[in-house]
């Protein structure tokens, strides 16, 4: 029984020492994957729609149709 307990203790020490290194390695691989995906050109964002102009205003503009007047307050 003493030999089995010694094996378990040694295995536990190896896990405690090696686990942080293994977790860090997995995290680095995930970051590398994110960087690789970010460097890859995205086909969907390459096509950009130009805003259309209607009556001198952008069609997607959300402001009112009234023109603004400068403030006369001094």
PDB file of N, CA and C in Angstrom:
ATOM      1  N   UNK A   1       0.821  -1.191   0.000  1.00  0.00           N
ATOM      2  CA  UNK A   1       0.000   0.000   0.000  1.00  0.00           C
ATOM      3  C   UNK A   1       0.867   1.256   0.000  1.00  0.00           C
ATOM      4  N   UNK A   2       1.999   1.190   0.633  1.00  0.00           N
ATOM      5  CA  UNK A   2       2.883   2.324   0.714  1.00  0.00           C
ATOM      6  C   UNK A   2       3.428   2.691  -0.673  1.00  0.00           C
ATOM      7  N   UNK A   3       3.701   1.690  -1.507  1.00  0.00           N
ATOM      8  CA  UNK A   3       4.210   1.938  -2.855  1.00  0.00           C
ATOM      9  C   UNK A   3       3.141   2.639  -3.698  1.00  0.00           C
ATOM     10  N   UNK A   4       1.897   2.189  -3.594  1.00  0.00           N
ATOM     11  CA  UNK A   4       0.805   2.808  -4.340  1.00  0.00           C
ATOM     12  C   UNK A   4       0.622   4.255  -3.919  1.00  0.00           C
ATOM     13  N   UNK A   5       0.685   4.506  -2.618  1.00  0.00           N
ATOM     14  CA  UNK A   5       0.545   5.867  -2.116  1.00  0.00           C
ATOM     15  C   UNK A   5       1.695   6.748  -2.600  1.00  0.00           C
ATOM     16  N   UNK A   6       2.870   6.211  -2.685  1.00  0.00           N
ATOM     17  CA  UNK A   6       4.018   6.967  -3.201  1.00  0.00           C
ATOM     18  C   UNK A   6       3.798   7.336  -4.665  1.00  0.00           C
ATOM     19  N   UNK A   7       3.288   6.384  -5.461  1.00  0.00           N
ATOM     20  CA  UNK A   7       2.999   6.669  -6.874  1.00  0.00           C
ATOM     21  C   UNK A   7       1.948   7.769  -7.009  1.00  0.00           C
ATOM     22  N   UNK A   8       0.937   7.725  -6.188  1.00  0.00           N
ATOM     23  CA  UNK A   8      -0.125   8.725  -6.242  1.00  0.00           C
ATOM     24  C   UNK A   8       0.426  10.102  -5.854  1.00  0.00           C
ATOM     25  N   UNK A   9       1.276  10.154  -4.847  1.00  0.00           N
ATOM     26  CA  UNK A   9       1.852  11.426  -4.416  1.00  0.00           C
ATOM     27  C   UNK A   9       2.736  11.999  -5.520  1.00  0.00           C
ATOM     28  N   UNK A  10       3.571  11.168  -6.127  1.00  0.00           N
ATOM     29  CA  UNK A  10       4.440  11.638  -7.207  1.00  0.00           C
ATOM     30  C   UNK A  10       3.602  12.112  -8.392  1.00  0.00           C
ATOM     31  N   UNK A  11       2.585  11.366  -8.731  1.00  0.00           N
ATOM     32  CA  UNK A  11       1.705  11.768  -9.830  1.00  0.00           C
ATOM     33  C   UNK A  11       0.997  13.083  -9.501  1.00  0.00           C
ATOM     34  N   UNK A  12       0.555  13.262  -8.275  1.00  0.00           N
ATOM     35  CA  UNK A  12      -0.095  14.502  -7.865  1.00  0.00           C
ATOM     36  C   UNK A  12       0.853  15.683  -7.950  1.00  0.00           C
ATOM     37  N   UNK A  13       2.101  15.504  -7.554  1.00  0.00           N
ATOM     38  CA  UNK A  13       3.085  16.583  -7.646  1.00  0.00           C
ATOM     39  C   UNK A  13       3.345  16.943  -9.099  1.00  0.00           C
ATOM     40  N   UNK A  14       3.449  15.933  -9.958  1.00  0.00           N
ATOM     41  CA  UNK A  14       3.652  16.208 -11.383  1.00  0.00           C
ATOM     42  C   UNK A  14       2.477  16.982 -11.975  1.00  0.00           C
ATOM     43  N   UNK A  15       1.269  16.649 -11.575  1.00  0.00           N
ATOM     44  CA  UNK A  15       0.088  17.362 -12.076  1.00  0.00           C
ATOM     45  C   UNK A  15       0.103  18.808 -11.578  1.00  0.00           C
ATOM     46  N   UNK A  16       0.424  19.010 -10.308  1.00  0.00           N
ATOM     47  CA  UNK A  16       0.433  20.357  -9.749  1.00  0.00           C
ATOM     48  C   UNK A  16       1.507  21.212 -10.433  1.00  0.00           C
ATOM     49  N   UNK A  17       2.647  20.607 -10.751  1.00  0.00           N
ATOM     50  CA  UNK A  17       3.728  21.356 -11.387  1.00  0.00           C
ATOM     51  C   UNK A  17       3.456  21.560 -12.877  1.00  0.00           C
ATOM     52  N   UNK A  18       2.911  20.566 -13.551  1.00  0.00           N
ATOM     53  CA  UNK A  18       2.750  20.621 -15.005  1.00  0.00           C
ATOM     54  C   UNK A  18       1.459  21.241 -15.491  1.00  0.00           C
ATOM     55  N   UNK A  19       0.429  21.271 -14.678  1.00  0.00           N
ATOM     56  CA  UNK A  19      -0.874  21.773 -15.126  1.00  0.00           C
ATOM     57  C   UNK A  19      -0.849  23.249 -15.516  1.00  0.00           C
ATOM     58  N   UNK A  20      -0.236  24.135 -14.752  1.00  0.00           N
ATOM     59  CA  UNK A  20      -0.210  25.544 -15.178  1.00  0.00           C
ATOM     60  C   UNK A  20       0.494  25.741 -16.519  1.00  0.00           C
ATOM     61  N   UNK A  21       1.548  24.981 -16.749  1.00  0.00           N
ATOM     62  CA  UNK A  21       2.255  25.078 -18.020  1.00  0.00           C
ATOM     63  C   UNK A  21       1.361  24.620 -19.167  1.00  0.00           C
ATOM     64  N   UNK A  22       0.646  23.539 -18.964  1.00  0.00           N
ATOM     65  CA  UNK A  22      -0.240  23.018 -20.001  1.00  0.00           C
ATOM     66  C   UNK A  22      -1.393  23.981 -20.285  1.00  0.00           C
ATOM     67  N   UNK A  23      -1.961  24.584 -19.248  1.00  0.00           N
ATOM     68  CA  UNK A  23      -3.052  25.552 -19.424  1.00  0.00           C
ATOM     69  C   UNK A  23      -2.540  26.787 -20.170  1.00  0.00           C
ATOM     70  N   UNK A  24      -1.330  27.237 -19.835  1.00  0.00           N
ATOM     71  CA  UNK A  24      -0.740  28.373 -20.540  1.00  0.00           C
ATOM     72  C   UNK A  24      -0.501  28.071 -22.006  1.00  0.00           C
ATOM     73  N   UNK A  25      -0.075  26.848 -22.294  1.00  0.00           N
ATOM     74  CA  UNK A  25       0.134  26.441 -23.686  1.00  0.00           C
ATOM     75  C   UNK A  25      -1.178  26.475 -24.461  1.00  0.00           C
ATOM     76  N   UNK A  26      -2.245  25.979 -23.864  1.00  0.00           N
ATOM     77  CA  UNK A  26      -3.549  26.003 -24.533  1.00  0.00           C
ATOM     78  C   UNK A  26      -4.031  27.432 -24.752  1.00  0.00           C
ATOM     79  N   UNK A  27      -3.778  28.297 -23.786  1.00  0.00           N
ATOM     80  CA  UNK A  27      -4.190  29.696 -23.925  1.00  0.00           C
ATOM     81  C   UNK A  27      -3.408  30.386 -25.051  1.00  0.00           C
ATOM     82  N   UNK A  28      -2.114  30.121 -25.133  1.00  0.00           N
ATOM     83  CA  UNK A  28      -1.307  30.687 -26.215  1.00  0.00           C
ATOM     84  C   UNK A  28      -1.794  30.222 -27.578  1.00  0.00           C
ATOM     85  N   UNK A  29      -2.174  28.962 -27.672  1.00  0.00           N
ATOM     86  CA  UNK A  29      -2.697  28.461 -28.954  1.00  0.00           C
ATOM     87  C   UNK A  29      -3.990  29.153 -29.331  1.00  0.00           C
ATOM     88  N   UNK A  30      -4.843  29.429 -28.354  1.00  0.00           N
ATOM     89  CA  UNK A  30      -6.109  30.123 -28.636  1.00  0.00           C
ATOM     90  C   UNK A  30      -5.834  31.552 -29.100  1.00  0.00           C
ATOM     91  N   UNK A  31      -4.865  32.225 -28.470  1.00  0.00           N
ATOM     92  CA  UNK A  31      -4.521  33.585 -28.875  1.00  0.00           C
ATOM     93  C   UNK A  31      -3.922  33.579 -30.275  1.00  0.00           C
ATOM     94  N   UNK A  32      -3.064  32.601 -30.566  1.00  0.00           N
ATOM     95  CA  UNK A  32      -2.492  32.489 -31.910  1.00  0.00           C
ATOM     96  C   UNK A  32      -3.582  32.278 -32.956  1.00  0.00           C
ATOM     97  N   UNK A  33      -4.591  31.498 -32.617  1.00  0.00           N
ATOM     98  CA  UNK A  33      -5.699  31.252 -33.549  1.00  0.00           C
ATOM     99  C   UNK A  33      -6.479  32.545 -33.799  1.00  0.00           C
ATOM    100  N   UNK A  34      -6.694  33.335 -32.750  1.00  0.00           N
ATOM    101  CA  UNK A  34      -7.404  34.610 -32.911  1.00  0.00           C
ATOM    102  C   UNK A  34      -6.606  35.572 -33.778  1.00  0.00           C
ATOM    103  N   UNK A  35      -5.292  35.625 -33.563  1.00  0.00           N
ATOM    104  CA  UNK A  35      -4.444  36.506 -34.374  1.00  0.00           C
ATOM    105  C   UNK A  35      -4.437  36.072 -35.834  1.00  0.00           C
ATOM    106  N   UNK A  36      -4.365  34.778 -36.066  1.00  0.00           N
ATOM    107  CA  UNK A  36      -4.359  34.254 -37.433  1.00  0.00           C
ATOM    108  C   UNK A  36      -5.682  34.579 -38.127  1.00  0.00           C
ATOM    109  N   UNK A  37      -6.793  34.451 -37.404  1.00  0.00           N
ATOM    110  CA  UNK A  37      -8.099  34.779 -37.998  1.00  0.00           C
ATOM    111  C   UNK A  37      -8.219  36.274 -38.275  1.00  0.00           C
ATOM    112  N   UNK A  38      -7.618  37.109 -37.417  1.00  0.00           N
ATOM    113  CA  UNK A  38      -7.691  38.556 -37.619  1.00  0.00           C
ATOM    114  C   UNK A  38      -6.840  39.000 -38.802  1.00  0.00           C
ATOM    115  N   UNK A  39      -5.751  38.297 -39.082  1.00  0.00           N
ATOM    116  CA  UNK A  39      -4.899  38.662 -40.212  1.00  0.00           C
ATOM    117  C   UNK A  39      -5.519  38.267 -41.552  1.00  0.00           C
ATOM    118  N   UNK A  40      -6.339  37.271 -41.532  1.00  0.00           N
ATOM    119  CA  UNK A  40      -6.970  36.793 -42.753  1.00  0.00           C
ATOM    120  C   UNK A  40      -7.982  37.824 -43.248  1.00  0.00           C
ATOM    121  N   UNK A  41      -7.916  38.214 -44.518  1.00  0.00           N
ATOM    122  CA  UNK A  41      -8.897  39.195 -45.019  1.00  0.00           C
ATOM    123  C   UNK A  41     -10.300  38.593 -45.016  1.00  0.00           C
ATOM    124  N   UNK A  42     -11.223  39.402 -44.574  1.00  0.00           N
ATOM    125  CA  UNK A  42     -12.603  38.923 -44.507  1.00  0.00           C
ATOM    126  C   UNK A  42     -13.333  39.326 -45.781  1.00  0.00           C
ATOM    127  N   UNK A  43     -13.895  38.374 -46.479  1.00  0.00           N
ATOM    128  CA  UNK A  43     -14.558  38.623 -47.754  1.00  0.00           C
ATOM    129  C   UNK A  43     -15.844  39.426 -47.563  1.00  0.00           C
ATOM    130  N   UNK A  44     -16.522  39.232 -46.447  1.00  0.00           N
ATOM    131  CA  UNK A  44     -17.803  39.914 -46.244  1.00  0.00           C
ATOM    132  C   UNK A  44     -17.624  41.409 -46.015  1.00  0.00           C
ATOM    133  N   UNK A  45     -16.570  41.799 -45.329  1.00  0.00           N
ATOM    134  CA  UNK A  45     -16.392  43.212 -45.028  1.00  0.00           C
ATOM    135  C   UNK A  45     -15.688  43.951 -46.158  1.00  0.00           C
ATOM    136  N   UNK A  46     -15.214  43.244 -47.175  1.00  0.00           N
ATOM    137  CA  UNK A  46     -14.517  43.888 -48.278  1.00  0.00           C
ATOM    138  C   UNK A  46     -15.490  44.702 -49.134  1.00  0.00           C
ATOM    139  N   UNK A  47     -16.736  44.258 -49.219  1.00  0.00           N
ATOM    140  CA  UNK A  47     -17.741  44.975 -50.002  1.00  0.00           C
ATOM    141  C   UNK A  47     -18.381  46.009 -49.101  1.00  0.00           C
ATOM    142  N   UNK A  48     -18.237  47.262 -49.467  1.00  0.00           N
ATOM    143  CA  UNK A  48     -18.773  48.346 -48.649  1.00  0.00           C
ATOM    144  C   UNK A  48     -19.765  49.142 -49.471  1.00  0.00           C
ATOM    145  N   UNK A  49     -20.960  49.289 -48.957  1.00  0.00           N
ATOM    146  CA  UNK A  49     -22.000  50.025 -49.667  1.00  0.00           C
ATOM    147  C   UNK A  49     -21.805  51.516 -49.479  1.00  0.00           C
ATOM    148  N   UNK A  50     -21.892  52.262 -50.541  1.00  0.00           N
ATOM    149  CA  UNK A  50     -21.793  53.719 -50.473  1.00  0.00           C
ATOM    150  C   UNK A  50     -23.175  54.280 -50.153  1.00  0.00           C
ATOM    151  N   UNK A  51     -23.258  55.268 -49.283  1.00  0.00           N
ATOM    152  CA  UNK A  51     -24.561  55.842 -48.963  1.00  0.00           C
ATOM    153  C   UNK A  51     -25.112  56.614 -50.159  1.00  0.00           C
ATOM    154  N   UNK A  52     -26.394  56.484 -50.381  1.00  0.00           N
ATOM    155  CA  UNK A  52     -27.007  57.186 -51.505  1.00  0.00           C
ATOM    156  C   UNK A  52     -27.440  58.581 -51.053  1.00  0.00           C
ATOM    157  N   UNK A  53     -27.376  59.525 -51.972  1.00  0.00           N
ATOM    158  CA  UNK A  53     -27.732  60.907 -51.666  1.00  0.00           C
ATOM    159  C   UNK A  53     -29.089  61.206 -52.286  1.00  0.00           C
ATOM    160  N   UNK A  54     -30.033  61.675 -51.453  1.00  0.00           N
ATOM    161  CA  UNK A  54     -31.379  62.010 -51.903  1.00  0.00           C
ATOM    162  C   UNK A  54     -31.650  63.444 -51.490  1.00  0.00           C
ATOM    163  N   UNK A  55     -31.949  64.305 -52.437  1.00  0.00           N
ATOM    164  CA  UNK A  55     -32.267  65.714 -52.193  1.00  0.00           C
ATOM    165  C   UNK A  55     -31.157  66.422 -51.406  1.00  0.00           C
ATOM    166  N   UNK A  56     -29.929  66.140 -51.716  1.00  0.00           N
ATOM    167  CA  UNK A  56     -28.814  66.801 -51.060  1.00  0.00           C
ATOM    168  C   UNK A  56     -28.504  66.287 -49.663  1.00  0.00           C
ATOM    169  N   UNK A  57     -29.218  65.279 -49.217  1.00  0.00           N
ATOM    170  CA  UNK A  57     -28.966  64.698 -47.894  1.00  0.00           C
ATOM    171  C   UNK A  57     -28.685  63.216 -48.066  1.00  0.00           C
ATOM    172  N   UNK A  58     -27.985  62.658 -47.122  1.00  0.00           N
ATOM    173  CA  UNK A  58     -27.775  61.218 -47.130  1.00  0.00           C
ATOM    174  C   UNK A  58     -29.089  60.538 -46.788  1.00  0.00           C
ATOM    175  N   UNK A  59     -29.406  59.456 -47.485  1.00  0.00           N
ATOM    176  CA  UNK A  59     -30.683  58.792 -47.245  1.00  0.00           C
ATOM    177  C   UNK A  59     -30.740  58.143 -45.872  1.00  0.00           C
ATOM    178  N   UNK A  60     -29.608  57.782 -45.301  1.00  0.00           N
ATOM    179  CA  UNK A  60     -29.604  57.151 -43.992  1.00  0.00           C
ATOM    180  C   UNK A  60     -29.536  58.141 -42.857  1.00  0.00           C
ATOM    181  N   UNK A  61     -29.591  59.444 -43.154  1.00  0.00           N
ATOM    182  CA  UNK A  61     -29.460  60.465 -42.139  1.00  0.00           C
ATOM    183  C   UNK A  61     -30.725  60.523 -41.293  1.00  0.00           C
ATOM    184  N   UNK A  62     -30.574  60.663 -39.989  1.00  0.00           N
ATOM    185  CA  UNK A  62     -31.708  60.594 -39.088  1.00  0.00           C
ATOM    186  C   UNK A  62     -32.165  61.963 -38.597  1.00  0.00           C
ATOM    187  N   UNK A  63     -31.532  63.041 -39.044  1.00  0.00           N
ATOM    188  CA  UNK A  63     -31.930  64.362 -38.551  1.00  0.00           C
ATOM    189  C   UNK A  63     -33.207  64.826 -39.247  1.00  0.00           C
ATOM    190  N   UNK A  64     -33.784  65.871 -38.716  1.00  0.00           N
ATOM    191  CA  UNK A  64     -35.034  66.381 -39.272  1.00  0.00           C
ATOM    192  C   UNK A  64     -34.760  67.075 -40.612  1.00  0.00           C
ATOM    193  N   UNK A  65     -35.808  67.344 -41.337  1.00  0.00           N
ATOM    194  CA  UNK A  65     -35.666  67.959 -42.665  1.00  0.00           C
ATOM    195  C   UNK A  65     -35.434  69.471 -42.553  1.00  0.00           C
ATOM    196  N   UNK A  66     -35.699  70.053 -41.380  1.00  0.00           N
ATOM    197  CA  UNK A  66     -35.485  71.481 -41.218  1.00  0.00           C
ATOM    198  C   UNK A  66     -33.998  71.795 -41.147  1.00  0.00           C
ATOM    199  N   UNK A  67     -33.637  72.883 -41.761  1.00  0.00           N
ATOM    200  CA  UNK A  67     -32.234  73.296 -41.689  1.00  0.00           C
ATOM    201  C   UNK A  67     -31.987  73.965 -40.345  1.00  0.00           C
ATOM    202  N   UNK A  68     -30.779  73.855 -39.868  1.00  0.00           N
ATOM    203  CA  UNK A  68     -30.457  74.467 -38.588  1.00  0.00           C
ATOM    204  C   UNK A  68     -29.958  75.879 -38.787  1.00  0.00           C
ATOM    205  N   UNK A  69     -30.262  76.736 -37.846  1.00  0.00           N
ATOM    206  CA  UNK A  69     -29.810  78.120 -37.907  1.00  0.00           C
ATOM    207  C   UNK A  69     -28.812  78.352 -36.797  1.00  0.00           C
ATOM    208  N   UNK A  70     -27.804  79.152 -37.052  1.00  0.00           N
ATOM    209  CA  UNK A  70     -26.823  79.386 -35.987  1.00  0.00           C
ATOM    210  C   UNK A  70     -27.449  80.160 -34.834  1.00  0.00           C
ATOM    211  N   UNK A  71     -26.928  79.914 -33.657  1.00  0.00           N
ATOM    212  CA  UNK A  71     -27.444  80.569 -32.454  1.00  0.00           C
ATOM    213  C   UNK A  71     -26.996  82.039 -32.446  1.00  0.00           C
ATOM    214  N   UNK A  72     -27.916  82.905 -32.016  1.00  0.00           N
ATOM    215  CA  UNK A  72     -27.580  84.337 -31.942  1.00  0.00           C
ATOM    216  C   UNK A  72     -27.275  84.760 -30.513  1.00  0.00           C
ATOM    217  N   UNK A  73     -27.287  83.816 -29.587  1.00  0.00           N
ATOM    218  CA  UNK A  73     -27.020  84.151 -28.196  1.00  0.00           C
ATOM    219  C   UNK A  73     -25.554  84.507 -28.030  1.00  0.00           C
ATOM    220  N   UNK A  74     -25.305  85.564 -27.260  1.00  0.00           N
ATOM    221  CA  UNK A  74     -23.921  85.966 -27.022  1.00  0.00           C
ATOM    222  C   UNK A  74     -23.606  85.957 -25.548  1.00  0.00           C
TER     223      UNK A  74
END
